[in-house]
Amino acid sequence: MKLIKSELILEDFFIVNSNYTFIEPEKDNINLKDLIKDYEIDIDFIVKDVKNENNKYIVFTKVDINNKDNKLAGYSIFAECVSIYSFDPKKKLNEKEKSDFLWMSGVSISINSIRNYLSAITSYFPLGKYTLPSVNLTSLLNTKRKSLNKKKG
């Protein structure tokens, strides 16, 4: 099948903050998959246009894994990224269409990029590679919209 390019263009992706702590398990021969299934994971994001730049948008995304007071054994990870997007200038999109692309595709691409980053860096960690679980994007977006509406109202 021939690729049909999206109107949304990922210009760049940066990790702007990242840290990790290894919490040694009390038992030997621990299966990482058993450990991580109980990790509490928090994902947040902000979608913004870049002031004073035409056709530039950013999605700030942060992922906080097993970073609460009672941390479980294994990994405690925080990562924050910035994804920079633009739209194909040949395509004429209204503001609602642009917003929909950024909220659906932009956030999804940003989460996948941070997932790839986490998989890569944790491959060097003591318990091996960690893969961020699949995200229910619809639920995440609805929760974020409700949160933003509360702040406005």
Protein backbone atom coordinates (compact mmCIF):
# COMPACT_ATOMS: atom_id res chain seq x y z
CA MET A 1 0.00 0.00 0.00
CA LYS A 2 1.24 3.46 -0.79
CA LEU A 3 1.85 5.76 2.17
CA ILE A 4 -0.44 8.77 2.35
CA LYS A 5 1.28 11.45 4.39
CA SER A 6 -0.60 13.19 7.16
CA GLU A 7 -1.26 16.89 7.13
CA LEU A 8 0.47 16.96 10.54
CA ILE A 9 4.27 16.98 10.31
CA LEU A 10 6.50 16.02 13.24
CA GLU A 11 9.36 18.51 12.94
CA ASP A 12 11.35 17.44 16.00
CA PHE A 13 11.27 15.63 19.33
CA PHE A 14 13.35 16.42 22.41
CA ILE A 15 13.67 14.97 25.89
CA VAL A 16 13.88 18.01 28.17
CA ASN A 17 13.95 16.26 31.54
CA SER A 18 14.50 12.67 32.56
CA ASN A 19 15.46 10.81 35.69
CA TYR A 20 15.36 7.31 37.02
CA THR A 21 15.88 5.45 40.24
CA PHE A 22 16.54 1.75 40.60
CA ILE A 23 14.77 0.23 43.58
CA GLU A 24 16.39 -3.10 44.25
CA PRO A 25 13.93 -5.98 44.60
CA GLU A 26 14.10 -7.91 47.85
CA LYS A 27 14.03 -11.26 46.04
CA ASP A 28 16.40 -12.65 43.42
CA ASN A 29 15.21 -13.84 39.99
CA ILE A 30 12.49 -11.20 39.70
CA ASN A 31 10.43 -11.09 36.53
CA LEU A 32 10.20 -7.43 35.43
CA LYS A 33 6.78 -8.03 33.85
CA ASP A 34 5.43 -9.16 37.22
CA LEU A 35 6.88 -6.09 38.94
CA ILE A 36 5.71 -3.43 36.51
CA LYS A 37 2.08 -4.51 36.15
CA ASP A 38 1.33 -2.73 39.44
CA TYR A 39 3.22 0.48 38.68
CA GLU A 40 1.16 3.64 38.90
CA ILE A 41 1.63 5.65 35.71
CA ASP A 42 0.68 9.28 35.22
CA ILE A 43 0.66 10.87 31.77
CA ASP A 44 0.00 14.54 31.15
CA PHE A 45 0.33 16.81 28.14
CA ILE A 46 -0.19 20.37 26.95
CA VAL A 47 -0.87 21.39 23.34
CA LYS A 48 0.16 24.93 22.36
CA ASP A 49 0.87 27.02 19.34
CA VAL A 50 4.25 28.74 19.20
CA LYS A 51 3.83 32.48 19.58
CA ASN A 52 5.44 34.65 16.91
CA GLU A 53 5.94 31.64 14.63
CA ASN A 54 3.52 30.80 11.90
CA ASN A 55 2.53 27.14 11.59
CA LYS A 56 4.48 25.84 14.63
CA TYR A 57 2.87 23.88 17.43
CA ILE A 58 4.24 22.06 20.44
CA VAL A 59 3.05 19.18 22.54
CA PHE A 60 4.65 18.93 25.99
CA THR A 61 4.29 15.40 27.34
CA LYS A 62 5.35 13.97 30.66
CA VAL A 63 5.28 10.43 31.98
CA ASP A 64 5.70 9.61 35.64
CA ILE A 65 6.13 5.90 36.40
CA ASN A 66 6.15 4.39 39.91
CA ASN A 67 7.02 7.78 41.37
CA LYS A 68 4.63 8.02 44.33
CA ASP A 69 5.53 7.84 48.03
CA ASN A 70 5.33 4.04 48.28
CA LYS A 71 7.43 3.06 45.28
CA LEU A 72 7.46 -0.55 44.18
CA ALA A 73 10.67 -2.43 43.44
CA GLY A 74 12.27 -2.05 40.03
CA TYR A 75 12.18 1.31 38.26
CA SER A 76 10.94 4.75 39.15
CA ILE A 77 11.08 6.89 36.02
CA PHE A 78 10.17 10.43 35.02
CA ALA A 79 10.49 11.74 31.48
CA GLU A 80 9.33 14.96 29.88
CA CYS A 81 9.47 15.76 26.20
CA VAL A 82 8.62 18.42 23.66
CA SER A 83 7.36 17.52 20.20
CA ILE A 84 7.32 20.23 17.55
CA TYR A 85 4.75 20.04 14.78
CA SER A 86 3.66 21.95 11.72
CA PHE A 87 1.02 21.41 9.07
CA ASP A 88 1.53 20.82 5.38
CA PRO A 89 1.17 24.33 3.93
CA LYS A 90 -0.45 22.89 0.79
CA LYS A 91 -3.38 21.66 2.86
CA LYS A 92 -5.98 24.19 3.94
CA LEU A 93 -7.15 23.31 7.44
CA ASN A 94 -9.36 25.32 9.75
CA GLU A 95 -8.49 25.78 13.43
CA LYS A 96 -10.79 22.93 14.57
CA GLU A 97 -9.14 20.50 12.14
CA LYS A 98 -5.68 21.57 13.31
CA SER A 99 -6.71 21.18 16.94
CA ASP A 100 -8.12 17.71 16.26
CA PHE A 101 -4.89 16.64 14.53
CA LEU A 102 -2.75 17.94 17.39
CA TRP A 103 -4.92 16.41 20.10
CA MET A 104 -5.36 13.02 18.45
CA SER A 105 -2.32 12.40 16.28
CA GLY A 106 0.12 14.82 17.94
CA VAL A 107 -0.44 13.51 21.45
CA SER A 108 -0.34 9.91 20.22
CA ILE A 109 2.93 10.48 18.33
CA SER A 110 4.43 12.20 21.39
CA ILE A 111 3.48 9.32 23.69
CA ASN A 112 4.91 6.80 21.22
CA SER A 113 8.13 8.81 20.98
CA ILE A 114 8.52 8.88 24.76
CA ARG A 115 7.69 5.13 24.85
CA ASN A 116 10.56 4.50 22.40
CA TYR A 117 12.90 6.65 24.50
CA LEU A 118 11.99 4.75 27.69
CA SER A 119 12.49 1.39 25.98
CA ALA A 120 15.88 2.47 24.70
CA ILE A 121 17.27 3.86 27.96
CA THR A 122 15.91 1.08 30.17
CA SER A 123 17.57 -1.53 27.98
CA TYR A 124 20.76 -0.49 29.84
CA PHE A 125 19.15 -0.70 33.29
CA PRO A 126 19.65 -3.61 35.73
CA LEU A 127 16.29 -5.34 35.10
CA GLY A 128 16.25 -4.75 31.36
CA LYS A 129 13.90 -2.99 28.98
CA TYR A 130 10.68 -1.36 30.16
CA THR A 131 7.92 -0.69 27.65
CA LEU A 132 5.25 1.86 28.49
CA PRO A 133 1.88 0.09 28.25
CA SER A 134 -0.65 0.94 25.57
CA VAL A 135 -2.65 4.04 26.39
CA ASN A 136 -6.40 4.44 26.08
CA LEU A 137 -6.05 7.71 24.17
CA THR A 138 -9.77 8.48 24.13
CA SER A 139 -9.92 8.26 27.92
CA LEU A 140 -6.74 10.32 28.32
CA LEU A 141 -8.02 13.06 26.02
CA ASN A 142 -11.46 13.14 27.69
CA THR A 143 -9.88 13.39 31.14
CA LYS A 144 -7.65 16.23 29.97
CA ARG A 145 -10.58 18.09 28.39
CA LYS A 146 -12.58 17.79 31.63
CA SER A 147 -9.59 19.07 33.60
CA LEU A 148 -9.19 22.07 31.27
CA ASN A 149 -12.92 22.83 31.41
CA LYS A 150 -12.83 22.83 35.22
CA LYS A 151 -9.97 25.35 35.15
CA LYS A 152 -11.89 27.60 32.75
CA GLY A 153 -15.20 27.36 34.59
